[in-house]
């Protein structure tokens, strides 16, 4: 419960980066 909010922020950043994937 204490780490989950911070983990969700990391998921948000990664989802945005993965959505605009091009180089790989």
PDBML (XML) file of the C-alpha atoms, coordinates in Angstrom:
<?xml version="1.0" encoding="UTF-8" ?>
<PDBx:datablock datablockName="MODEL"
   xmlns:PDBx="http://pdbml.pdb.org/schema/pdbx-v50.xsd"
   xmlns:xsi="http://www.w3.org/2001/XMLSchema-instance"
   xsi:schemaLocation="http://pdbml.pdb.org/schema/pdbx-v50.xsd pdbx-v50.xsd">
   <PDBx:atom_siteCategory>
      <PDBx:atom_site id="1">
         <PDBx:B_iso_or_equiv>0.00</PDBx:B_iso_or_equiv>
         <PDBx:Cartn_x>0.000</PDBx:Cartn_x>
         <PDBx:Cartn_y>0.000</PDBx:Cartn_y>
         <PDBx:Cartn_z>0.000</PDBx:Cartn_z>
         <PDBx:auth_asym_id>A</PDBx:auth_asym_id>
         <PDBx:auth_atom_id>CA</PDBx:auth_atom_id>
         <PDBx:auth_comp_id>UNK</PDBx:auth_comp_id>
         <PDBx:auth_seq_id>1</PDBx:auth_seq_id>
         <PDBx:group_PDB>ATOM</PDBx:group_PDB>
         <PDBx:label_alt_id xsi:nil="true" />
         <PDBx:label_asym_id>A</PDBx:label_asym_id>
         <PDBx:label_atom_id>CA</PDBx:label_atom_id>
         <PDBx:label_comp_id>UNK</PDBx:label_comp_id>
         <PDBx:label_entity_id>1</PDBx:label_entity_id>
         <PDBx:label_seq_id>1</PDBx:label_seq_id>
         <PDBx:occupancy>1.00</PDBx:occupancy>
         <PDBx:pdbx_PDB_model_num>1</PDBx:pdbx_PDB_model_num>
         <PDBx:type_symbol>C</PDBx:type_symbol>
      </PDBx:atom_site>
      <PDBx:atom_site id="2">
         <PDBx:B_iso_or_equiv>0.00</PDBx:B_iso_or_equiv>
         <PDBx:Cartn_x>2.807</PDBx:Cartn_x>
         <PDBx:Cartn_y>2.478</PDBx:Cartn_y>
         <PDBx:Cartn_z>0.737</PDBx:Cartn_z>
         <PDBx:auth_asym_id>A</PDBx:auth_asym_id>
         <PDBx:auth_atom_id>CA</PDBx:auth_atom_id>
         <PDBx:auth_comp_id>UNK</PDBx:auth_comp_id>
         <PDBx:auth_seq_id>2</PDBx:auth_seq_id>
         <PDBx:group_PDB>ATOM</PDBx:group_PDB>
         <PDBx:label_alt_id xsi:nil="true" />
         <PDBx:label_asym_id>A</PDBx:label_asym_id>
         <PDBx:label_atom_id>CA</PDBx:label_atom_id>
         <PDBx:label_comp_id>UNK</PDBx:label_comp_id>
         <PDBx:label_entity_id>1</PDBx:label_entity_id>
         <PDBx:label_seq_id>2</PDBx:label_seq_id>
         <PDBx:occupancy>1.00</PDBx:occupancy>
         <PDBx:pdbx_PDB_model_num>1</PDBx:pdbx_PDB_model_num>
         <PDBx:type_symbol>C</PDBx:type_symbol>
      </PDBx:atom_site>
      <PDBx:atom_site id="3">
         <PDBx:B_iso_or_equiv>0.00</PDBx:B_iso_or_equiv>
         <PDBx:Cartn_x>4.788</PDBx:Cartn_x>
         <PDBx:Cartn_y>1.791</PDBx:Cartn_y>
         <PDBx:Cartn_z>-2.455</PDBx:Cartn_z>
         <PDBx:auth_asym_id>A</PDBx:auth_asym_id>
         <PDBx:auth_atom_id>CA</PDBx:auth_atom_id>
         <PDBx:auth_comp_id>UNK</PDBx:auth_comp_id>
         <PDBx:auth_seq_id>3</PDBx:auth_seq_id>
         <PDBx:group_PDB>ATOM</PDBx:group_PDB>
         <PDBx:label_alt_id xsi:nil="true" />
         <PDBx:label_asym_id>A</PDBx:label_asym_id>
         <PDBx:label_atom_id>CA</PDBx:label_atom_id>
         <PDBx:label_comp_id>UNK</PDBx:label_comp_id>
         <PDBx:label_entity_id>1</PDBx:label_entity_id>
         <PDBx:label_seq_id>3</PDBx:label_seq_id>
         <PDBx:occupancy>1.00</PDBx:occupancy>
         <PDBx:pdbx_PDB_model_num>1</PDBx:pdbx_PDB_model_num>
         <PDBx:type_symbol>C</PDBx:type_symbol>
      </PDBx:atom_site>
      <PDBx:atom_site id="4">
         <PDBx:B_iso_or_equiv>0.00</PDBx:B_iso_or_equiv>
         <PDBx:Cartn_x>1.795</PDBx:Cartn_x>
         <PDBx:Cartn_y>1.387</PDBx:Cartn_y>
         <PDBx:Cartn_z>-4.775</PDBx:Cartn_z>
         <PDBx:auth_asym_id>A</PDBx:auth_asym_id>
         <PDBx:auth_atom_id>CA</PDBx:auth_atom_id>
         <PDBx:auth_comp_id>UNK</PDBx:auth_comp_id>
         <PDBx:auth_seq_id>4</PDBx:auth_seq_id>
         <PDBx:group_PDB>ATOM</PDBx:group_PDB>
         <PDBx:label_alt_id xsi:nil="true" />
         <PDBx:label_asym_id>A</PDBx:label_asym_id>
         <PDBx:label_atom_id>CA</PDBx:label_atom_id>
         <PDBx:label_comp_id>UNK</PDBx:label_comp_id>
         <PDBx:label_entity_id>1</PDBx:label_entity_id>
         <PDBx:label_seq_id>4</PDBx:label_seq_id>
         <PDBx:occupancy>1.00</PDBx:occupancy>
         <PDBx:pdbx_PDB_model_num>1</PDBx:pdbx_PDB_model_num>
         <PDBx:type_symbol>C</PDBx:type_symbol>
      </PDBx:atom_site>
      <PDBx:atom_site id="5">
         <PDBx:B_iso_or_equiv>0.00</PDBx:B_iso_or_equiv>
         <PDBx:Cartn_x>1.159</PDBx:Cartn_x>
         <PDBx:Cartn_y>5.133</PDBx:Cartn_y>
         <PDBx:Cartn_z>-5.506</PDBx:Cartn_z>
         <PDBx:auth_asym_id>A</PDBx:auth_asym_id>
         <PDBx:auth_atom_id>CA</PDBx:auth_atom_id>
         <PDBx:auth_comp_id>UNK</PDBx:auth_comp_id>
         <PDBx:auth_seq_id>5</PDBx:auth_seq_id>
         <PDBx:group_PDB>ATOM</PDBx:group_PDB>
         <PDBx:label_alt_id xsi:nil="true" />
         <PDBx:label_asym_id>A</PDBx:label_asym_id>
         <PDBx:label_atom_id>CA</PDBx:label_atom_id>
         <PDBx:label_comp_id>UNK</PDBx:label_comp_id>
         <PDBx:label_entity_id>1</PDBx:label_entity_id>
         <PDBx:label_seq_id>5</PDBx:label_seq_id>
         <PDBx:occupancy>1.00</PDBx:occupancy>
         <PDBx:pdbx_PDB_model_num>1</PDBx:pdbx_PDB_model_num>
         <PDBx:type_symbol>C</PDBx:type_symbol>
      </PDBx:atom_site>
      <PDBx:atom_site id="6">
         <PDBx:B_iso_or_equiv>0.00</PDBx:B_iso_or_equiv>
         <PDBx:Cartn_x>4.808</PDBx:Cartn_x>
         <PDBx:Cartn_y>5.700</PDBx:Cartn_y>
         <PDBx:Cartn_z>-6.386</PDBx:Cartn_z>
         <PDBx:auth_asym_id>A</PDBx:auth_asym_id>
         <PDBx:auth_atom_id>CA</PDBx:auth_atom_id>
         <PDBx:auth_comp_id>UNK</PDBx:auth_comp_id>
         <PDBx:auth_seq_id>6</PDBx:auth_seq_id>
         <PDBx:group_PDB>ATOM</PDBx:group_PDB>
         <PDBx:label_alt_id xsi:nil="true" />
         <PDBx:label_asym_id>A</PDBx:label_asym_id>
         <PDBx:label_atom_id>CA</PDBx:label_atom_id>
         <PDBx:label_comp_id>UNK</PDBx:label_comp_id>
         <PDBx:label_entity_id>1</PDBx:label_entity_id>
         <PDBx:label_seq_id>6</PDBx:label_seq_id>
         <PDBx:occupancy>1.00</PDBx:occupancy>
         <PDBx:pdbx_PDB_model_num>1</PDBx:pdbx_PDB_model_num>
         <PDBx:type_symbol>C</PDBx:type_symbol>
      </PDBx:atom_site>
      <PDBx:atom_site id="7">
         <PDBx:B_iso_or_equiv>0.00</PDBx:B_iso_or_equiv>
         <PDBx:Cartn_x>4.785</PDBx:Cartn_x>
         <PDBx:Cartn_y>2.572</PDBx:Cartn_y>
         <PDBx:Cartn_z>-8.532</PDBx:Cartn_z>
         <PDBx:auth_asym_id>A</PDBx:auth_asym_id>
         <PDBx:auth_atom_id>CA</PDBx:auth_atom_id>
         <PDBx:auth_comp_id>UNK</PDBx:auth_comp_id>
         <PDBx:auth_seq_id>7</PDBx:auth_seq_id>
         <PDBx:group_PDB>ATOM</PDBx:group_PDB>
         <PDBx:label_alt_id xsi:nil="true" />
         <PDBx:label_asym_id>A</PDBx:label_asym_id>
         <PDBx:label_atom_id>CA</PDBx:label_atom_id>
         <PDBx:label_comp_id>UNK</PDBx:label_comp_id>
         <PDBx:label_entity_id>1</PDBx:label_entity_id>
         <PDBx:label_seq_id>7</PDBx:label_seq_id>
         <PDBx:occupancy>1.00</PDBx:occupancy>
         <PDBx:pdbx_PDB_model_num>1</PDBx:pdbx_PDB_model_num>
         <PDBx:type_symbol>C</PDBx:type_symbol>
      </PDBx:atom_site>
      <PDBx:atom_site id="8">
         <PDBx:B_iso_or_equiv>0.00</PDBx:B_iso_or_equiv>
         <PDBx:Cartn_x>1.746</PDBx:Cartn_x>
         <PDBx:Cartn_y>3.837</PDBx:Cartn_y>
         <PDBx:Cartn_z>-10.433</PDBx:Cartn_z>
         <PDBx:auth_asym_id>A</PDBx:auth_asym_id>
         <PDBx:auth_atom_id>CA</PDBx:auth_atom_id>
         <PDBx:auth_comp_id>UNK</PDBx:auth_comp_id>
         <PDBx:auth_seq_id>8</PDBx:auth_seq_id>
         <PDBx:group_PDB>ATOM</PDBx:group_PDB>
         <PDBx:label_alt_id xsi:nil="true" />
         <PDBx:label_asym_id>A</PDBx:label_asym_id>
         <PDBx:label_atom_id>CA</PDBx:label_atom_id>
         <PDBx:label_comp_id>UNK</PDBx:label_comp_id>
         <PDBx:label_entity_id>1</PDBx:label_entity_id>
         <PDBx:label_seq_id>8</PDBx:label_seq_id>
         <PDBx:occupancy>1.00</PDBx:occupancy>
         <PDBx:pdbx_PDB_model_num>1</PDBx:pdbx_PDB_model_num>
         <PDBx:type_symbol>C</PDBx:type_symbol>
      </PDBx:atom_site>
      <PDBx:atom_site id="9">
         <PDBx:B_iso_or_equiv>0.00</PDBx:B_iso_or_equiv>
         <PDBx:Cartn_x>3.610</PDBx:Cartn_x>
         <PDBx:Cartn_y>7.041</PDBx:Cartn_y>
         <PDBx:Cartn_z>-11.318</PDBx:Cartn_z>
         <PDBx:auth_asym_id>A</PDBx:auth_asym_id>
         <PDBx:auth_atom_id>CA</PDBx:auth_atom_id>
         <PDBx:auth_comp_id>UNK</PDBx:auth_comp_id>
         <PDBx:auth_seq_id>9</PDBx:auth_seq_id>
         <PDBx:group_PDB>ATOM</PDBx:group_PDB>
         <PDBx:label_alt_id xsi:nil="true" />
         <PDBx:label_asym_id>A</PDBx:label_asym_id>
         <PDBx:label_atom_id>CA</PDBx:label_atom_id>
         <PDBx:label_comp_id>UNK</PDBx:label_comp_id>
         <PDBx:label_entity_id>1</PDBx:label_entity_id>
         <PDBx:label_seq_id>9</PDBx:label_seq_id>
         <PDBx:occupancy>1.00</PDBx:occupancy>
         <PDBx:pdbx_PDB_model_num>1</PDBx:pdbx_PDB_model_num>
         <PDBx:type_symbol>C</PDBx:type_symbol>
      </PDBx:atom_site>
      <PDBx:atom_site id="10">
         <PDBx:B_iso_or_equiv>0.00</PDBx:B_iso_or_equiv>
         <PDBx:Cartn_x>6.464</PDBx:Cartn_x>
         <PDBx:Cartn_y>4.966</PDBx:Cartn_y>
         <PDBx:Cartn_z>-12.745</PDBx:Cartn_z>
         <PDBx:auth_asym_id>A</PDBx:auth_asym_id>
         <PDBx:auth_atom_id>CA</PDBx:auth_atom_id>
         <PDBx:auth_comp_id>UNK</PDBx:auth_comp_id>
         <PDBx:auth_seq_id>10</PDBx:auth_seq_id>
         <PDBx:group_PDB>ATOM</PDBx:group_PDB>
         <PDBx:label_alt_id xsi:nil="true" />
         <PDBx:label_asym_id>A</PDBx:label_asym_id>
         <PDBx:label_atom_id>CA</PDBx:label_atom_id>
         <PDBx:label_comp_id>UNK</PDBx:label_comp_id>
         <PDBx:label_entity_id>1</PDBx:label_entity_id>
         <PDBx:label_seq_id>10</PDBx:label_seq_id>
         <PDBx:occupancy>1.00</PDBx:occupancy>
         <PDBx:pdbx_PDB_model_num>1</PDBx:pdbx_PDB_model_num>
         <PDBx:type_symbol>C</PDBx:type_symbol>
      </PDBx:atom_site>
      <PDBx:atom_site id="11">
         <PDBx:B_iso_or_equiv>0.00</PDBx:B_iso_or_equiv>
         <PDBx:Cartn_x>3.908</PDBx:Cartn_x>
         <PDBx:Cartn_y>2.945</PDBx:Cartn_y>
         <PDBx:Cartn_z>-14.749</PDBx:Cartn_z>
         <PDBx:auth_asym_id>A</PDBx:auth_asym_id>
         <PDBx:auth_atom_id>CA</PDBx:auth_atom_id>
         <PDBx:auth_comp_id>UNK</PDBx:auth_comp_id>
         <PDBx:auth_seq_id>11</PDBx:auth_seq_id>
         <PDBx:group_PDB>ATOM</PDBx:group_PDB>
         <PDBx:label_alt_id xsi:nil="true" />
         <PDBx:label_asym_id>A</PDBx:label_asym_id>
         <PDBx:label_atom_id>CA</PDBx:label_atom_id>
         <PDBx:label_comp_id>UNK</PDBx:label_comp_id>
         <PDBx:label_entity_id>1</PDBx:label_entity_id>
         <PDBx:label_seq_id>11</PDBx:label_seq_id>
         <PDBx:occupancy>1.00</PDBx:occupancy>
         <PDBx:pdbx_PDB_model_num>1</PDBx:pdbx_PDB_model_num>
         <PDBx:type_symbol>C</PDBx:type_symbol>
      </PDBx:atom_site>
      <PDBx:atom_site id="12">
         <PDBx:B_iso_or_equiv>0.00</PDBx:B_iso_or_equiv>
         <PDBx:Cartn_x>2.515</PDBx:Cartn_x>
         <PDBx:Cartn_y>6.192</PDBx:Cartn_y>
         <PDBx:Cartn_z>-16.174</PDBx:Cartn_z>
         <PDBx:auth_asym_id>A</PDBx:auth_asym_id>
         <PDBx:auth_atom_id>CA</PDBx:auth_atom_id>
         <PDBx:auth_comp_id>UNK</PDBx:auth_comp_id>
         <PDBx:auth_seq_id>12</PDBx:auth_seq_id>
         <PDBx:group_PDB>ATOM</PDBx:group_PDB>
         <PDBx:label_alt_id xsi:nil="true" />
         <PDBx:label_asym_id>A</PDBx:label_asym_id>
         <PDBx:label_atom_id>CA</PDBx:label_atom_id>
         <PDBx:label_comp_id>UNK</PDBx:label_comp_id>
         <PDBx:label_entity_id>1</PDBx:label_entity_id>
         <PDBx:label_seq_id>12</PDBx:label_seq_id>
         <PDBx:occupancy>1.00</PDBx:occupancy>
         <PDBx:pdbx_PDB_model_num>1</PDBx:pdbx_PDB_model_num>
         <PDBx:type_symbol>C</PDBx:type_symbol>
      </PDBx:atom_site>
      <PDBx:atom_site id="13">
         <PDBx:B_iso_or_equiv>0.00</PDBx:B_iso_or_equiv>
         <PDBx:Cartn_x>5.927</PDBx:Cartn_x>
         <PDBx:Cartn_y>7.353</PDBx:Cartn_y>
         <PDBx:Cartn_z>-17.390</PDBx:Cartn_z>
         <PDBx:auth_asym_id>A</PDBx:auth_asym_id>
         <PDBx:auth_atom_id>CA</PDBx:auth_atom_id>
         <PDBx:auth_comp_id>UNK</PDBx:auth_comp_id>
         <PDBx:auth_seq_id>13</PDBx:auth_seq_id>
         <PDBx:group_PDB>ATOM</PDBx:group_PDB>
         <PDBx:label_alt_id xsi:nil="true" />
         <PDBx:label_asym_id>A</PDBx:label_asym_id>
         <PDBx:label_atom_id>CA</PDBx:label_atom_id>
         <PDBx:label_comp_id>UNK</PDBx:label_comp_id>
         <PDBx:label_entity_id>1</PDBx:label_entity_id>
         <PDBx:label_seq_id>13</PDBx:label_seq_id>
         <PDBx:occupancy>1.00</PDBx:occupancy>
         <PDBx:pdbx_PDB_model_num>1</PDBx:pdbx_PDB_model_num>
         <PDBx:type_symbol>C</PDBx:type_symbol>
      </PDBx:atom_site>
      <PDBx:atom_site id="14">
         <PDBx:B_iso_or_equiv>0.00</PDBx:B_iso_or_equiv>
         <PDBx:Cartn_x>6.736</PDBx:Cartn_x>
         <PDBx:Cartn_y>3.968</PDBx:Cartn_y>
         <PDBx:Cartn_z>-18.903</PDBx:Cartn_z>
         <PDBx:auth_asym_id>A</PDBx:auth_asym_id>
         <PDBx:auth_atom_id>CA</PDBx:auth_atom_id>
         <PDBx:auth_comp_id>UNK</PDBx:auth_comp_id>
         <PDBx:auth_seq_id>14</PDBx:auth_seq_id>
         <PDBx:group_PDB>ATOM</PDBx:group_PDB>
         <PDBx:label_alt_id xsi:nil="true" />
         <PDBx:label_asym_id>A</PDBx:label_asym_id>
         <PDBx:label_atom_id>CA</PDBx:label_atom_id>
         <PDBx:label_comp_id>UNK</PDBx:label_comp_id>
         <PDBx:label_entity_id>1</PDBx:label_entity_id>
         <PDBx:label_seq_id>14</PDBx:label_seq_id>
         <PDBx:occupancy>1.00</PDBx:occupancy>
         <PDBx:pdbx_PDB_model_num>1</PDBx:pdbx_PDB_model_num>
         <PDBx:type_symbol>C</PDBx:type_symbol>
      </PDBx:atom_site>
      <PDBx:atom_site id="15">
         <PDBx:B_iso_or_equiv>0.00</PDBx:B_iso_or_equiv>
         <PDBx:Cartn_x>3.358</PDBx:Cartn_x>
         <PDBx:Cartn_y>3.704</PDBx:Cartn_y>
         <PDBx:Cartn_z>-20.632</PDBx:Cartn_z>
         <PDBx:auth_asym_id>A</PDBx:auth_asym_id>
         <PDBx:auth_atom_id>CA</PDBx:auth_atom_id>
         <PDBx:auth_comp_id>UNK</PDBx:auth_comp_id>
         <PDBx:auth_seq_id>15</PDBx:auth_seq_id>
         <PDBx:group_PDB>ATOM</PDBx:group_PDB>
         <PDBx:label_alt_id xsi:nil="true" />
         <PDBx:label_asym_id>A</PDBx:label_asym_id>
         <PDBx:label_atom_id>CA</PDBx:label_atom_id>
         <PDBx:label_comp_id>UNK</PDBx:label_comp_id>
         <PDBx:label_entity_id>1</PDBx:label_entity_id>
         <PDBx:label_seq_id>15</PDBx:label_seq_id>
         <PDBx:occupancy>1.00</PDBx:occupancy>
         <PDBx:pdbx_PDB_model_num>1</PDBx:pdbx_PDB_model_num>
         <PDBx:type_symbol>C</PDBx:type_symbol>
      </PDBx:atom_site>
      <PDBx:atom_site id="16">
         <PDBx:B_iso_or_equiv>0.00</PDBx:B_iso_or_equiv>
         <PDBx:Cartn_x>3.842</PDBx:Cartn_x>
         <PDBx:Cartn_y>7.090</PDBx:Cartn_y>
         <PDBx:Cartn_z>-22.289</PDBx:Cartn_z>
         <PDBx:auth_asym_id>A</PDBx:auth_asym_id>
         <PDBx:auth_atom_id>CA</PDBx:auth_atom_id>
         <PDBx:auth_comp_id>UNK</PDBx:auth_comp_id>
         <PDBx:auth_seq_id>16</PDBx:auth_seq_id>
         <PDBx:group_PDB>ATOM</PDBx:group_PDB>
         <PDBx:label_alt_id xsi:nil="true" />
         <PDBx:label_asym_id>A</PDBx:label_asym_id>
         <PDBx:label_atom_id>CA</PDBx:label_atom_id>
         <PDBx:label_comp_id>UNK</PDBx:label_comp_id>
         <PDBx:label_entity_id>1</PDBx:label_entity_id>
         <PDBx:label_seq_id>16</PDBx:label_seq_id>
         <PDBx:occupancy>1.00</PDBx:occupancy>
         <PDBx:pdbx_PDB_model_num>1</PDBx:pdbx_PDB_model_num>
         <PDBx:type_symbol>C</PDBx:type_symbol>
      </PDBx:atom_site>
      <PDBx:atom_site id="17">
         <PDBx:B_iso_or_equiv>0.00</PDBx:B_iso_or_equiv>
         <PDBx:Cartn_x>7.337</PDBx:Cartn_x>
         <PDBx:Cartn_y>6.168</PDBx:Cartn_y>
         <PDBx:Cartn_z>-23.451</PDBx:Cartn_z>
         <PDBx:auth_asym_id>A</PDBx:auth_asym_id>
         <PDBx:auth_atom_id>CA</PDBx:auth_atom_id>
         <PDBx:auth_comp_id>UNK</PDBx:auth_comp_id>
         <PDBx:auth_seq_id>17</PDBx:auth_seq_id>
         <PDBx:group_PDB>ATOM</PDBx:group_PDB>
         <PDBx:label_alt_id xsi:nil="true" />
         <PDBx:label_asym_id>A</PDBx:label_asym_id>
         <PDBx:label_atom_id>CA</PDBx:label_atom_id>
         <PDBx:label_comp_id>UNK</PDBx:label_comp_id>
         <PDBx:label_entity_id>1</PDBx:label_entity_id>
         <PDBx:label_seq_id>17</PDBx:label_seq_id>
         <PDBx:occupancy>1.00</PDBx:occupancy>
         <PDBx:pdbx_PDB_model_num>1</PDBx:pdbx_PDB_model_num>
         <PDBx:type_symbol>C</PDBx:type_symbol>
      </PDBx:atom_site>
      <PDBx:atom_site id="18">
         <PDBx:B_iso_or_equiv>0.00</PDBx:B_iso_or_equiv>
         <PDBx:Cartn_x>6.196</PDBx:Cartn_x>
         <PDBx:Cartn_y>2.753</PDBx:Cartn_y>
         <PDBx:Cartn_z>-24.731</PDBx:Cartn_z>
         <PDBx:auth_asym_id>A</PDBx:auth_asym_id>
         <PDBx:auth_atom_id>CA</PDBx:auth_atom_id>
         <PDBx:auth_comp_id>UNK</PDBx:auth_comp_id>
         <PDBx:auth_seq_id>18</PDBx:auth_seq_id>
         <PDBx:group_PDB>ATOM</PDBx:group_PDB>
         <PDBx:label_alt_id xsi:nil="true" />
         <PDBx:label_asym_id>A</PDBx:label_asym_id>
         <PDBx:label_atom_id>CA</PDBx:label_atom_id>
         <PDBx:label_comp_id>UNK</PDBx:label_comp_id>
         <PDBx:label_entity_id>1</PDBx:label_entity_id>
         <PDBx:label_seq_id>18</PDBx:label_seq_id>
         <PDBx:occupancy>1.00</PDBx:occupancy>
         <PDBx:pdbx_PDB_model_num>1</PDBx:pdbx_PDB_model_num>
         <PDBx:type_symbol>C</PDBx:type_symbol>
      </PDBx:atom_site>
      <PDBx:atom_site id="19">
         <PDBx:B_iso_or_equiv>0.00</PDBx:B_iso_or_equiv>
         <PDBx:Cartn_x>3.257</PDBx:Cartn_x>
         <PDBx:Cartn_y>4.330</PDBx:Cartn_y>
         <PDBx:Cartn_z>-26.580</PDBx:Cartn_z>
         <PDBx:auth_asym_id>A</PDBx:auth_asym_id>
         <PDBx:auth_atom_id>CA</PDBx:auth_atom_id>
         <PDBx:auth_comp_id>UNK</PDBx:auth_comp_id>
         <PDBx:auth_seq_id>19</PDBx:auth_seq_id>
         <PDBx:group_PDB>ATOM</PDBx:group_PDB>
         <PDBx:label_alt_id xsi:nil="true" />
         <PDBx:label_asym_id>A</PDBx:label_asym_id>
         <PDBx:label_atom_id>CA</PDBx:label_atom_id>
         <PDBx:label_comp_id>UNK</PDBx:label_comp_id>
         <PDBx:label_entity_id>1</PDBx:label_entity_id>
         <PDBx:label_seq_id>19</PDBx:label_seq_id>
         <PDBx:occupancy>1.00</PDBx:occupancy>
         <PDBx:pdbx_PDB_model_num>1</PDBx:pdbx_PDB_model_num>
         <PDBx:type_symbol>C</PDBx:type_symbol>
      </PDBx:atom_site>
      <PDBx:atom_site id="20">
         <PDBx:B_iso_or_equiv>0.00</PDBx:B_iso_or_equiv>
         <PDBx:Cartn_x>5.603</PDBx:Cartn_x>
         <PDBx:Cartn_y>6.418</PDBx:Cartn_y>
         <PDBx:Cartn_z>-28.716</PDBx:Cartn_z>
         <PDBx:auth_asym_id>A</PDBx:auth_asym_id>
         <PDBx:auth_atom_id>CA</PDBx:auth_atom_id>
         <PDBx:auth_comp_id>UNK</PDBx:auth_comp_id>
         <PDBx:auth_seq_id>20</PDBx:auth_seq_id>
         <PDBx:group_PDB>ATOM</PDBx:group_PDB>
         <PDBx:label_alt_id xsi:nil="true" />
         <PDBx:label_asym_id>A</PDBx:label_asym_id>
         <PDBx:label_atom_id>CA</PDBx:label_atom_id>
         <PDBx:label_comp_id>UNK</PDBx:label_comp_id>
         <PDBx:label_entity_id>1</PDBx:label_entity_id>
         <PDBx:label_seq_id>20</PDBx:label_seq_id>
         <PDBx:occupancy>1.00</PDBx:occupancy>
         <PDBx:pdbx_PDB_model_num>1</PDBx:pdbx_PDB_model_num>
         <PDBx:type_symbol>C</PDBx:type_symbol>
      </PDBx:atom_site>
      <PDBx:atom_site id="21">
         <PDBx:B_iso_or_equiv>0.00</PDBx:B_iso_or_equiv>
         <PDBx:Cartn_x>8.177</PDBx:Cartn_x>
         <PDBx:Cartn_y>3.675</PDBx:Cartn_y>
         <PDBx:Cartn_z>-29.304</PDBx:Cartn_z>
         <PDBx:auth_asym_id>A</PDBx:auth_asym_id>
         <PDBx:auth_atom_id>CA</PDBx:auth_atom_id>
         <PDBx:auth_comp_id>UNK</PDBx:auth_comp_id>
         <PDBx:auth_seq_id>21</PDBx:auth_seq_id>
         <PDBx:group_PDB>ATOM</PDBx:group_PDB>
         <PDBx:label_alt_id xsi:nil="true" />
         <PDBx:label_asym_id>A</PDBx:label_asym_id>
         <PDBx:label_atom_id>CA</PDBx:label_atom_id>
         <PDBx:label_comp_id>UNK</PDBx:label_comp_id>
         <PDBx:label_entity_id>1</PDBx:label_entity_id>
         <PDBx:label_seq_id>21</PDBx:label_seq_id>
         <PDBx:occupancy>1.00</PDBx:occupancy>
         <PDBx:pdbx_PDB_model_num>1</PDBx:pdbx_PDB_model_num>
         <PDBx:type_symbol>C</PDBx:type_symbol>
      </PDBx:atom_site>
      <PDBx:atom_site id="22">
         <PDBx:B_iso_or_equiv>0.00</PDBx:B_iso_or_equiv>
         <PDBx:Cartn_x>10.138</PDBx:Cartn_x>
         <PDBx:Cartn_y>4.098</PDBx:Cartn_y>
         <PDBx:Cartn_z>-32.527</PDBx:Cartn_z>
         <PDBx:auth_asym_id>A</PDBx:auth_asym_id>
         <PDBx:auth_atom_id>CA</PDBx:auth_atom_id>
         <PDBx:auth_comp_id>UNK</PDBx:auth_comp_id>
         <PDBx:auth_seq_id>22</PDBx:auth_seq_id>
         <PDBx:group_PDB>ATOM</PDBx:group_PDB>
         <PDBx:label_alt_id xsi:nil="true" />
         <PDBx:label_asym_id>A</PDBx:label_asym_id>
         <PDBx:label_atom_id>CA</PDBx:label_atom_id>
         <PDBx:label_comp_id>UNK</PDBx:label_comp_id>
         <PDBx:label_entity_id>1</PDBx:label_entity_id>
         <PDBx:label_seq_id>22</PDBx:label_seq_id>
         <PDBx:occupancy>1.00</PDBx:occupancy>
         <PDBx:pdbx_PDB_model_num>1</PDBx:pdbx_PDB_model_num>
         <PDBx:type_symbol>C</PDBx:type_symbol>
      </PDBx:atom_site>
      <PDBx:atom_site id="23">
         <PDBx:B_iso_or_equiv>0.00</PDBx:B_iso_or_equiv>
         <PDBx:Cartn_x>13.875</PDBx:Cartn_x>
         <PDBx:Cartn_y>3.439</PDBx:Cartn_y>
         <PDBx:Cartn_z>-32.216</PDBx:Cartn_z>
         <PDBx:auth_asym_id>A</PDBx:auth_asym_id>
         <PDBx:auth_atom_id>CA</PDBx:auth_atom_id>
         <PDBx:auth_comp_id>UNK</PDBx:auth_comp_id>
         <PDBx:auth_seq_id>23</PDBx:auth_seq_id>
         <PDBx:group_PDB>ATOM</PDBx:group_PDB>
         <PDBx:label_alt_id xsi:nil="true" />
         <PDBx:label_asym_id>A</PDBx:label_asym_id>
         <PDBx:label_atom_id>CA</PDBx:label_atom_id>
         <PDBx:label_comp_id>UNK</PDBx:label_comp_id>
         <PDBx:label_entity_id>1</PDBx:label_entity_id>
         <PDBx:label_seq_id>23</PDBx:label_seq_id>
         <PDBx:occupancy>1.00</PDBx:occupancy>
         <PDBx:pdbx_PDB_model_num>1</PDBx:pdbx_PDB_model_num>
         <PDBx:type_symbol>C</PDBx:type_symbol>
      </PDBx:atom_site>
      <PDBx:atom_site id="24">
         <PDBx:B_iso_or_equiv>0.00</PDBx:B_iso_or_equiv>
         <PDBx:Cartn_x>13.764</PDBx:Cartn_x>
         <PDBx:Cartn_y>-0.241</PDBx:Cartn_y>
         <PDBx:Cartn_z>-31.231</PDBx:Cartn_z>
         <PDBx:auth_asym_id>A</PDBx:auth_asym_id>
         <PDBx:auth_atom_id>CA</PDBx:auth_atom_id>
         <PDBx:auth_comp_id>UNK</PDBx:auth_comp_id>
         <PDBx:auth_seq_id>24</PDBx:auth_seq_id>
         <PDBx:group_PDB>ATOM</PDBx:group_PDB>
         <PDBx:label_alt_id xsi:nil="true" />
         <PDBx:label_asym_id>A</PDBx:label_asym_id>
         <PDBx:label_atom_id>CA</PDBx:label_atom_id>
         <PDBx:label_comp_id>UNK</PDBx:label_comp_id>
         <PDBx:label_entity_id>1</PDBx:label_entity_id>
         <PDBx:label_seq_id>24</PDBx:label_seq_id>
         <PDBx:occupancy>1.00</PDBx:occupancy>
         <PDBx:pdbx_PDB_model_num>1</PDBx:pdbx_PDB_model_num>
         <PDBx:type_symbol>C</PDBx:type_symbol>
      </PDBx:atom_site>
   </PDBx:atom_siteCategory>
</PDBx:datablock>
